[in-house]
Amino acid sequence: MKSKKDNLQRHYSFLYKCELAYSVIRSRLIDWRIRYFNFPLIIKGRKFIDFGNSLTAGYYCRFEVFPNDNDKRKRLIFGNNIQLNDFVHISAVDQVEIGDGCLLASHIYISDNTHGRYEGGDNDSSPLPPPRV
C-alpha cells in the first residue's frame, strides 16, 4: 500500500518539481529561513522586513515597506509558519505584523497607511499635490 506522500509525489510533473526546487533556492537567497516563494514576487524595502521562519508565498505577492523616518527597525514582521496565497499585497509605513500560523487567502490587501481622505468635508486631504516617489 502506498503512503500519502508517495501518492502526492506521483501527481507532480518533473518540470513542476524543477520549478519548485528553483523557487526554493531563489527564496533562500532572499532569506535562508523562508520555506519558498513562488515567483514573480515584488519586495520593496527588504531591509525593513522580518520574514520569520517557514514563510510560503504564492504567485504575484507584493511586500512594500516605506519607512518615514531614519529608524532602522523592522516594519513588516512575519511570524512563523505562515502561508500567503497568490496576489497578497502588504504595505507598511509604521508597522504591520502577521502572527504565527496564519493562512491568508488570495487577493488580500493589508496596509497601515492610506492615500488620504476624500469625503467632501473640511478635513479631507488635498488631491492636488502629486504623490511622493
N, C-alpha and C. Protein backbone atom coordinates (compact mmCIF):
# COMPACT_ATOMS: atom_id res chain seq x y z
N MET A 1 0.84 -1.18 0.00
CA MET A 1 0.00 0.00 0.00
C MET A 1 0.88 1.24 0.00
N LYS A 2 0.60 2.16 -0.88
CA LYS A 2 1.41 3.37 -1.00
C LYS A 2 1.01 4.38 0.07
N SER A 3 2.01 5.12 0.53
CA SER A 3 1.74 6.14 1.53
C SER A 3 1.14 7.37 0.86
N LYS A 4 0.60 8.27 1.66
CA LYS A 4 0.01 9.50 1.15
C LYS A 4 1.09 10.34 0.45
N LYS A 5 2.30 10.34 0.99
CA LYS A 5 3.41 11.09 0.39
C LYS A 5 3.73 10.55 -1.00
N ASP A 6 3.79 9.24 -1.16
CA ASP A 6 4.06 8.64 -2.47
C ASP A 6 2.97 9.01 -3.47
N ASN A 7 1.75 9.00 -3.01
CA ASN A 7 0.62 9.33 -3.88
C ASN A 7 0.71 10.79 -4.36
N LEU A 8 1.07 11.71 -3.47
CA LEU A 8 1.21 13.11 -3.85
C LEU A 8 2.37 13.32 -4.81
N GLN A 9 3.49 12.68 -4.57
CA GLN A 9 4.66 12.86 -5.43
C GLN A 9 4.40 12.37 -6.84
N ARG A 10 3.57 11.39 -7.01
CA ARG A 10 3.25 10.88 -8.34
C ARG A 10 2.55 11.90 -9.20
N HIS A 11 1.79 12.81 -8.60
CA HIS A 11 0.97 13.76 -9.34
C HIS A 11 1.73 15.00 -9.80
N TYR A 12 2.92 15.23 -9.29
CA TYR A 12 3.71 16.39 -9.71
C TYR A 12 4.60 15.99 -10.89
N SER A 13 4.58 16.81 -11.93
CA SER A 13 5.43 16.51 -13.09
C SER A 13 6.89 16.83 -12.76
N PHE A 14 7.77 16.29 -13.56
CA PHE A 14 9.19 16.56 -13.39
C PHE A 14 9.47 18.05 -13.55
N LEU A 15 8.82 18.70 -14.52
CA LEU A 15 9.02 20.13 -14.74
C LEU A 15 8.57 20.95 -13.54
N TYR A 16 7.43 20.58 -12.94
CA TYR A 16 6.95 21.28 -11.76
C TYR A 16 7.92 21.11 -10.59
N LYS A 17 8.46 19.91 -10.42
CA LYS A 17 9.43 19.68 -9.34
C LYS A 17 10.68 20.52 -9.56
N CYS A 18 11.11 20.68 -10.80
CA CYS A 18 12.27 21.53 -11.10
C CYS A 18 11.97 22.99 -10.78
N GLU A 19 10.78 23.45 -11.14
CA GLU A 19 10.37 24.83 -10.86
C GLU A 19 10.31 25.07 -9.35
N LEU A 20 9.80 24.10 -8.62
CA LEU A 20 9.72 24.21 -7.17
C LEU A 20 11.11 24.27 -6.55
N ALA A 21 12.03 23.43 -7.01
CA ALA A 21 13.41 23.45 -6.50
C ALA A 21 14.07 24.79 -6.78
N TYR A 22 13.87 25.33 -7.97
CA TYR A 22 14.41 26.64 -8.33
C TYR A 22 13.84 27.73 -7.41
N SER A 23 12.53 27.68 -7.14
CA SER A 23 11.91 28.67 -6.25
C SER A 23 12.46 28.58 -4.84
N VAL A 24 12.69 27.37 -4.35
CA VAL A 24 13.24 27.21 -3.01
C VAL A 24 14.63 27.82 -2.93
N ILE A 25 15.47 27.53 -3.90
CA ILE A 25 16.84 28.07 -3.91
C ILE A 25 16.81 29.59 -4.00
N ARG A 26 16.01 30.12 -4.91
CA ARG A 26 15.92 31.57 -5.09
C ARG A 26 15.37 32.25 -3.82
N SER A 27 14.41 31.61 -3.17
CA SER A 27 13.83 32.16 -1.94
C SER A 27 14.86 32.20 -0.82
N ARG A 28 15.66 31.15 -0.70
CA ARG A 28 16.67 31.08 0.36
C ARG A 28 17.77 32.12 0.16
N LEU A 29 17.94 32.60 -1.07
CA LEU A 29 18.90 33.68 -1.31
C LEU A 29 18.38 35.01 -0.76
N ILE A 30 17.07 35.15 -0.69
CA ILE A 30 16.47 36.35 -0.09
C ILE A 30 16.62 36.29 1.42
N ASP A 31 16.25 35.16 2.01
CA ASP A 31 16.38 34.93 3.45
C ASP A 31 16.36 33.42 3.66
N TRP A 32 17.36 32.89 4.33
CA TRP A 32 17.52 31.44 4.47
C TRP A 32 16.39 30.78 5.25
N ARG A 33 15.59 31.57 6.00
CA ARG A 33 14.52 30.98 6.81
C ARG A 33 13.21 30.81 6.04
N ILE A 34 13.12 31.36 4.82
CA ILE A 34 11.91 31.25 4.01
C ILE A 34 11.73 29.82 3.53
N ARG A 35 10.52 29.30 3.58
CA ARG A 35 10.25 27.97 3.02
C ARG A 35 10.36 28.06 1.51
N TYR A 36 9.50 28.84 0.87
CA TYR A 36 9.69 29.18 -0.54
C TYR A 36 8.68 30.24 -0.97
N PHE A 37 9.08 31.00 -1.98
CA PHE A 37 8.23 31.97 -2.65
C PHE A 37 8.00 31.48 -4.07
N ASN A 38 6.79 31.66 -4.55
CA ASN A 38 6.52 31.46 -5.97
C ASN A 38 6.80 32.80 -6.67
N PHE A 39 7.48 32.76 -7.74
CA PHE A 39 7.84 33.97 -8.47
C PHE A 39 6.95 34.08 -9.71
N PRO A 40 6.62 35.32 -10.12
CA PRO A 40 7.17 36.61 -9.74
C PRO A 40 6.67 37.09 -8.38
N LEU A 41 7.49 37.94 -7.77
CA LEU A 41 7.27 38.47 -6.43
C LEU A 41 7.91 39.85 -6.40
N ILE A 42 7.28 40.80 -5.71
CA ILE A 42 7.85 42.14 -5.59
C ILE A 42 8.14 42.40 -4.11
N ILE A 43 9.38 42.81 -3.82
CA ILE A 43 9.78 43.18 -2.46
C ILE A 43 10.43 44.55 -2.52
N LYS A 44 9.88 45.53 -1.81
CA LYS A 44 10.46 46.86 -1.70
C LYS A 44 10.73 47.14 -0.23
N GLY A 45 11.92 47.61 0.07
CA GLY A 45 12.28 47.87 1.46
C GLY A 45 12.67 46.61 2.21
N ARG A 46 13.39 45.72 1.55
CA ARG A 46 13.76 44.40 2.10
C ARG A 46 14.39 44.48 3.49
N LYS A 47 15.26 45.49 3.71
CA LYS A 47 15.96 45.55 4.99
C LYS A 47 15.04 45.88 6.17
N PHE A 48 13.80 46.28 5.88
CA PHE A 48 12.83 46.58 6.93
C PHE A 48 11.81 45.46 7.12
N ILE A 49 12.09 44.28 6.54
CA ILE A 49 11.17 43.15 6.62
C ILE A 49 11.82 41.99 7.39
N ASP A 50 11.08 41.42 8.33
CA ASP A 50 11.48 40.19 9.02
C ASP A 50 10.57 39.09 8.51
N PHE A 51 11.12 38.13 7.76
CA PHE A 51 10.34 37.09 7.13
C PHE A 51 9.98 35.93 8.06
N GLY A 52 10.45 35.93 9.30
CA GLY A 52 10.13 34.85 10.23
C GLY A 52 10.67 33.52 9.74
N ASN A 53 10.17 32.42 10.26
CA ASN A 53 10.58 31.07 9.86
C ASN A 53 9.47 30.39 9.07
N SER A 54 9.83 29.78 7.96
CA SER A 54 8.93 28.95 7.15
C SER A 54 7.79 29.73 6.51
N LEU A 55 8.09 30.88 5.93
CA LEU A 55 7.10 31.66 5.19
C LEU A 55 6.97 31.09 3.79
N THR A 56 5.73 30.91 3.34
CA THR A 56 5.44 30.48 1.97
C THR A 56 4.56 31.55 1.34
N ALA A 57 4.91 31.97 0.11
CA ALA A 57 4.12 32.99 -0.58
C ALA A 57 3.80 32.53 -1.98
N GLY A 58 2.57 32.77 -2.41
CA GLY A 58 2.10 32.39 -3.73
C GLY A 58 2.59 33.34 -4.81
N TYR A 59 2.09 33.14 -6.01
CA TYR A 59 2.48 33.96 -7.15
C TYR A 59 2.00 35.40 -7.00
N TYR A 60 2.78 36.32 -7.50
CA TYR A 60 2.45 37.75 -7.60
C TYR A 60 2.19 38.42 -6.25
N CYS A 61 2.84 37.96 -5.19
CA CYS A 61 2.73 38.65 -3.91
C CYS A 61 3.60 39.90 -3.95
N ARG A 62 3.24 40.86 -3.11
CA ARG A 62 3.95 42.15 -3.12
C ARG A 62 4.09 42.62 -1.68
N PHE A 63 5.35 42.85 -1.27
CA PHE A 63 5.64 43.36 0.07
C PHE A 63 6.35 44.69 -0.08
N GLU A 64 5.77 45.75 0.49
CA GLU A 64 6.34 47.09 0.38
C GLU A 64 6.45 47.73 1.75
N VAL A 65 7.63 48.26 2.04
CA VAL A 65 7.83 48.97 3.30
C VAL A 65 8.38 50.36 2.96
N PHE A 66 7.72 51.39 3.50
CA PHE A 66 8.11 52.77 3.25
C PHE A 66 8.33 53.47 4.59
N PRO A 67 9.50 53.32 5.21
CA PRO A 67 9.72 53.99 6.50
C PRO A 67 9.72 55.50 6.30
N ASN A 68 9.10 56.21 7.22
CA ASN A 68 9.01 57.67 7.07
C ASN A 68 9.98 58.42 7.98
N ASP A 69 10.94 57.73 8.55
CA ASP A 69 11.96 58.39 9.37
C ASP A 69 13.26 57.59 9.24
N ASN A 70 14.26 57.94 10.02
CA ASN A 70 15.56 57.28 9.92
C ASN A 70 15.68 56.04 10.82
N ASP A 71 14.59 55.63 11.45
CA ASP A 71 14.58 54.45 12.30
C ASP A 71 14.80 53.20 11.43
N LYS A 72 15.71 52.33 11.82
CA LYS A 72 16.06 51.14 11.04
C LYS A 72 15.33 49.88 11.49
N ARG A 73 14.32 50.02 12.34
CA ARG A 73 13.62 48.84 12.86
C ARG A 73 12.79 48.17 11.75
N LYS A 74 12.45 46.91 11.98
CA LYS A 74 11.63 46.15 11.04
C LYS A 74 10.22 46.71 11.07
N ARG A 75 9.64 46.91 9.90
CA ARG A 75 8.30 47.49 9.78
C ARG A 75 7.25 46.46 9.36
N LEU A 76 7.70 45.44 8.64
CA LEU A 76 6.82 44.34 8.24
C LEU A 76 7.38 43.07 8.87
N ILE A 77 6.62 42.48 9.77
CA ILE A 77 7.11 41.34 10.55
C ILE A 77 6.18 40.14 10.36
N PHE A 78 6.76 39.05 9.87
CA PHE A 78 6.02 37.81 9.72
C PHE A 78 6.40 36.89 10.87
N GLY A 79 5.41 36.21 11.43
CA GLY A 79 5.67 35.20 12.45
C GLY A 79 6.18 33.92 11.80
N ASN A 80 6.02 32.82 12.46
CA ASN A 80 6.48 31.52 11.97
C ASN A 80 5.34 30.73 11.33
N ASN A 81 5.70 29.91 10.34
CA ASN A 81 4.75 29.01 9.68
C ASN A 81 3.54 29.74 9.11
N ILE A 82 3.81 30.68 8.22
CA ILE A 82 2.76 31.48 7.58
C ILE A 82 2.68 31.10 6.11
N GLN A 83 1.47 31.02 5.60
CA GLN A 83 1.28 30.77 4.18
C GLN A 83 0.40 31.87 3.59
N LEU A 84 0.91 32.50 2.53
CA LEU A 84 0.18 33.53 1.80
C LEU A 84 -0.13 32.97 0.42
N ASN A 85 -1.37 33.05 0.01
CA ASN A 85 -1.73 32.58 -1.32
C ASN A 85 -1.43 33.67 -2.35
N ASP A 86 -1.85 33.49 -3.58
CA ASP A 86 -1.49 34.38 -4.68
C ASP A 86 -2.07 35.79 -4.50
N PHE A 87 -1.35 36.77 -5.03
CA PHE A 87 -1.77 38.17 -5.10
C PHE A 87 -2.03 38.81 -3.74
N VAL A 88 -1.24 38.47 -2.74
CA VAL A 88 -1.33 39.14 -1.44
C VAL A 88 -0.41 40.36 -1.48
N HIS A 89 -0.95 41.52 -1.12
CA HIS A 89 -0.20 42.78 -1.14
C HIS A 89 -0.21 43.34 0.28
N ILE A 90 0.99 43.53 0.85
CA ILE A 90 1.12 44.08 2.20
C ILE A 90 2.00 45.32 2.12
N SER A 91 1.49 46.42 2.65
CA SER A 91 2.21 47.69 2.63
C SER A 91 2.34 48.22 4.06
N ALA A 92 3.55 48.66 4.44
CA ALA A 92 3.77 49.15 5.81
C ALA A 92 4.55 50.44 5.81
N VAL A 93 4.10 51.40 6.60
CA VAL A 93 4.85 52.62 6.87
C VAL A 93 5.30 52.61 8.32
N ASP A 94 4.40 52.33 9.25
CA ASP A 94 4.76 52.25 10.66
C ASP A 94 5.11 50.81 11.02
N GLN A 95 4.11 49.91 11.10
CA GLN A 95 4.41 48.51 11.37
C GLN A 95 3.18 47.64 11.09
N VAL A 96 3.41 46.55 10.37
CA VAL A 96 2.40 45.52 10.14
C VAL A 96 3.02 44.22 10.61
N GLU A 97 2.27 43.48 11.44
CA GLU A 97 2.76 42.20 11.95
C GLU A 97 1.72 41.12 11.68
N ILE A 98 2.18 40.03 11.07
CA ILE A 98 1.33 38.86 10.80
C ILE A 98 1.78 37.78 11.78
N GLY A 99 0.88 37.31 12.63
CA GLY A 99 1.22 36.37 13.69
C GLY A 99 1.51 34.96 13.22
N ASP A 100 2.01 34.14 14.12
CA ASP A 100 2.36 32.74 13.84
C ASP A 100 1.15 31.96 13.31
N GLY A 101 1.43 31.07 12.36
CA GLY A 101 0.43 30.12 11.90
C GLY A 101 -0.70 30.69 11.07
N CYS A 102 -0.55 31.87 10.49
CA CYS A 102 -1.62 32.47 9.70
C CYS A 102 -1.64 31.91 8.28
N LEU A 103 -2.83 31.79 7.74
CA LEU A 103 -3.05 31.42 6.36
C LEU A 103 -3.89 32.52 5.74
N LEU A 104 -3.35 33.19 4.71
CA LEU A 104 -4.07 34.28 4.05
C LEU A 104 -4.50 33.82 2.67
N ALA A 105 -5.76 34.05 2.35
CA ALA A 105 -6.31 33.66 1.05
C ALA A 105 -5.76 34.57 -0.05
N SER A 106 -6.12 34.30 -1.27
CA SER A 106 -5.68 35.09 -2.42
C SER A 106 -6.36 36.46 -2.45
N HIS A 107 -5.72 37.40 -3.10
CA HIS A 107 -6.26 38.74 -3.36
C HIS A 107 -6.58 39.50 -2.08
N ILE A 108 -5.64 39.55 -1.16
CA ILE A 108 -5.80 40.29 0.09
C ILE A 108 -4.85 41.47 0.09
N TYR A 109 -5.34 42.63 0.56
CA TYR A 109 -4.51 43.82 0.71
C TYR A 109 -4.51 44.21 2.19
N ILE A 110 -3.31 44.34 2.77
CA ILE A 110 -3.16 44.74 4.17
C ILE A 110 -2.24 45.95 4.19
N SER A 111 -2.65 47.00 4.92
CA SER A 111 -1.86 48.22 4.95
C SER A 111 -2.09 48.96 6.26
N ASP A 112 -1.07 49.70 6.68
CA ASP A 112 -1.23 50.57 7.84
C ASP A 112 -1.19 52.04 7.41
N ASN A 113 -1.42 52.29 6.13
CA ASN A 113 -1.37 53.67 5.62
C ASN A 113 -2.46 53.85 4.58
N THR A 114 -2.72 55.11 4.25
CA THR A 114 -3.76 55.44 3.27
C THR A 114 -3.21 56.45 2.28
N HIS A 115 -4.01 56.74 1.30
CA HIS A 115 -3.64 57.77 0.31
C HIS A 115 -4.42 59.05 0.57
N GLY A 116 -4.97 59.21 1.75
CA GLY A 116 -5.72 60.41 2.08
C GLY A 116 -7.17 60.10 2.38
N ARG A 117 -7.92 61.17 2.64
CA ARG A 117 -9.33 61.04 2.99
C ARG A 117 -10.12 61.98 2.10
N TYR A 118 -11.09 61.45 1.40
CA TYR A 118 -11.87 62.25 0.46
C TYR A 118 -13.35 61.95 0.63
N GLU A 119 -14.00 62.72 1.50
CA GLU A 119 -15.43 62.54 1.73
C GLU A 119 -16.22 63.81 1.48
N GLY A 120 -15.55 64.85 0.99
CA GLY A 120 -16.24 66.11 0.71
C GLY A 120 -16.32 67.04 1.91
N GLY A 121 -15.57 66.75 2.98
CA GLY A 121 -15.61 67.59 4.17
C GLY A 121 -14.38 68.49 4.28
N ASP A 122 -14.33 69.29 5.37
CA ASP A 122 -13.23 70.23 5.59
C ASP A 122 -11.93 69.53 5.97
N ASN A 123 -12.00 68.32 6.51
CA ASN A 123 -10.80 67.60 6.94
C ASN A 123 -10.19 66.71 5.86
N ASP A 124 -10.69 66.82 4.64
CA ASP A 124 -10.17 65.99 3.55
C ASP A 124 -8.74 66.35 3.20
N SER A 125 -8.02 65.37 2.72
CA SER A 125 -6.67 65.61 2.18
C SER A 125 -6.83 66.30 0.82
N SER A 126 -5.90 67.14 0.49
CA SER A 126 -5.95 67.80 -0.80
C SER A 126 -5.52 66.83 -1.90
N PRO A 127 -6.30 66.72 -2.96
CA PRO A 127 -5.92 65.84 -4.07
C PRO A 127 -4.93 66.50 -5.03
N LEU A 128 -4.56 67.74 -4.78
CA LEU A 128 -3.72 68.48 -5.72
C LEU A 128 -2.24 68.12 -5.68
N PRO A 129 -1.61 67.93 -4.51
CA PRO A 129 -0.18 67.60 -4.53
C PRO A 129 0.06 66.22 -5.16
N PRO A 130 1.12 66.12 -5.98
CA PRO A 130 1.42 64.79 -6.57
C PRO A 130 1.94 63.84 -5.51
N PRO A 131 1.78 62.53 -5.71
CA PRO A 131 2.29 61.57 -4.74
C PRO A 131 3.82 61.59 -4.68
N ARG A 132 4.36 61.27 -3.52
CA ARG A 132 5.82 61.17 -3.37
C ARG A 132 6.30 59.91 -4.04
N VAL A 133 7.45 60.01 -4.64
CA VAL A 133 8.02 58.83 -5.32
C VAL A 133 9.15 58.27 -4.52
